[in-house]
Amino acid sequence: MTLTDAATPIWYVTFEIRKRGILPKQRSPRETRTFVTEDEAKIFARSKLEEGLTVFAGTINPHFPKRLVPSSQIYAWLADEHDDNEPPPGDQE
């Protein structure tokens, strides 16, 4: 597969990474990974939640419809079985 054949990621999952050592000021270091499908993003998000990390997700611009999944709604998103291209009810802008 060449780079032009590669699928374009449309989902991201961001998670807080654990602090190591003593930090000079309070901060919230994060890391983000991208995924081609929502299912791949959900699998990864679930694994980070199992590690006890704070997780949020969404679609990468310019993908439409735009989806944002705050950490307060991540469990509902993981339980949702909707199609990748259709937002759940009430999640449309």
Protein backbone atom coordinates (compact mmCIF):
# COMPACT_ATOMS: atom_id res chain seq x y z
CA MET A 1 0.00 0.00 0.00
CA THR A 2 1.37 3.43 -0.91
CA LEU A 3 0.85 6.60 1.05
CA THR A 4 -1.79 7.72 -1.44
CA ASP A 5 -3.71 4.47 -0.84
CA ALA A 6 -3.73 4.92 2.93
CA ALA A 7 -7.06 5.76 4.51
CA THR A 8 -7.36 9.20 6.06
CA PRO A 9 -7.96 9.24 9.82
CA ILE A 10 -11.17 11.01 10.78
CA TRP A 11 -11.31 10.23 14.54
CA TYR A 12 -9.02 11.28 17.36
CA VAL A 13 -8.75 10.19 20.98
CA THR A 14 -6.95 12.42 23.47
CA PHE A 15 -5.99 11.21 26.92
CA GLU A 16 -4.17 12.66 29.90
CA ILE A 17 -0.84 11.00 30.49
CA ARG A 18 0.38 10.21 33.97
CA LYS A 19 2.70 12.73 35.52
CA ARG A 20 6.23 11.50 36.15
CA GLY A 21 8.46 13.15 38.72
CA ILE A 22 7.89 16.57 40.21
CA LEU A 23 6.52 19.22 37.91
CA PRO A 24 7.34 22.89 38.61
CA LYS A 25 3.73 23.95 38.00
CA GLN A 26 0.38 22.25 37.71
CA ARG A 27 -0.36 21.10 34.17
CA SER A 28 -2.30 18.43 32.37
CA PRO A 29 -0.08 16.74 29.77
CA ARG A 30 -2.03 15.02 27.00
CA GLU A 31 -1.39 12.75 24.07
CA THR A 32 -3.56 12.30 20.98
CA ARG A 33 -3.87 9.37 18.59
CA THR A 34 -5.81 9.31 15.32
CA PHE A 35 -7.93 6.52 13.79
CA VAL A 36 -9.55 5.75 10.46
CA THR A 37 -12.77 4.39 12.00
CA GLU A 38 -14.90 5.19 15.02
CA ASP A 39 -14.68 1.54 16.14
CA GLU A 40 -10.87 1.72 16.27
CA ALA A 41 -11.11 4.95 18.26
CA LYS A 42 -13.56 3.35 20.70
CA ILE A 43 -11.31 0.32 21.28
CA PHE A 44 -8.37 2.59 22.04
CA ALA A 45 -10.43 4.93 24.25
CA ARG A 46 -11.76 1.96 26.24
CA SER A 47 -8.20 0.71 26.86
CA LYS A 48 -7.13 4.13 28.18
CA LEU A 49 -10.20 4.35 30.43
CA GLU A 50 -9.31 0.92 31.85
CA GLU A 51 -5.92 2.40 32.77
CA GLY A 52 -7.77 5.08 34.76
CA LEU A 53 -6.97 7.95 32.40
CA THR A 54 -9.22 10.85 31.44
CA VAL A 55 -10.27 10.47 27.80
CA PHE A 56 -12.13 12.54 25.21
CA ALA A 57 -12.63 12.06 21.48
CA GLY A 58 -14.03 13.52 18.30
CA THR A 59 -13.74 13.85 14.56
CA ILE A 60 -10.92 15.67 12.81
CA ASN A 61 -11.77 18.74 10.72
CA PRO A 62 -13.03 18.95 8.00
CA HIS A 63 -14.99 15.71 8.57
CA PHE A 64 -18.72 16.30 8.68
CA PRO A 65 -20.78 15.88 10.76
CA LYS A 66 -18.48 17.19 13.47
CA ARG A 67 -18.48 15.03 16.59
CA LEU A 68 -17.10 16.02 19.98
CA VAL A 69 -17.18 13.54 22.86
CA PRO A 70 -16.21 15.17 26.18
CA SER A 71 -14.89 13.00 29.00
CA SER A 72 -18.25 13.32 30.78
CA GLN A 73 -19.96 11.52 27.85
CA ILE A 74 -17.26 9.01 26.91
CA TYR A 75 -19.02 6.00 28.50
CA ALA A 76 -22.24 6.75 26.60
CA TRP A 77 -20.24 7.08 23.35
CA LEU A 78 -18.54 3.73 23.97
CA ALA A 79 -21.93 2.09 24.53
CA ASP A 80 -23.43 3.69 21.40
CA GLU A 81 -23.77 1.40 18.37
CA HIS A 82 -24.63 4.01 15.68
CA ASP A 83 -23.13 4.02 12.19
CA ASP A 84 -19.78 5.86 11.76
CA ASN A 85 -21.32 8.37 9.37
CA GLU A 86 -24.48 9.15 11.29
CA PRO A 87 -24.45 11.14 14.53
CA PRO A 88 -26.64 9.95 17.38
CA PRO A 89 -29.85 11.92 17.99
CA GLY A 90 -29.18 15.34 19.50
CA ASP A 91 -25.51 15.42 18.42
CA GLN A 92 -25.99 17.42 15.24
CA GLU A 93 -24.93 21.01 14.82
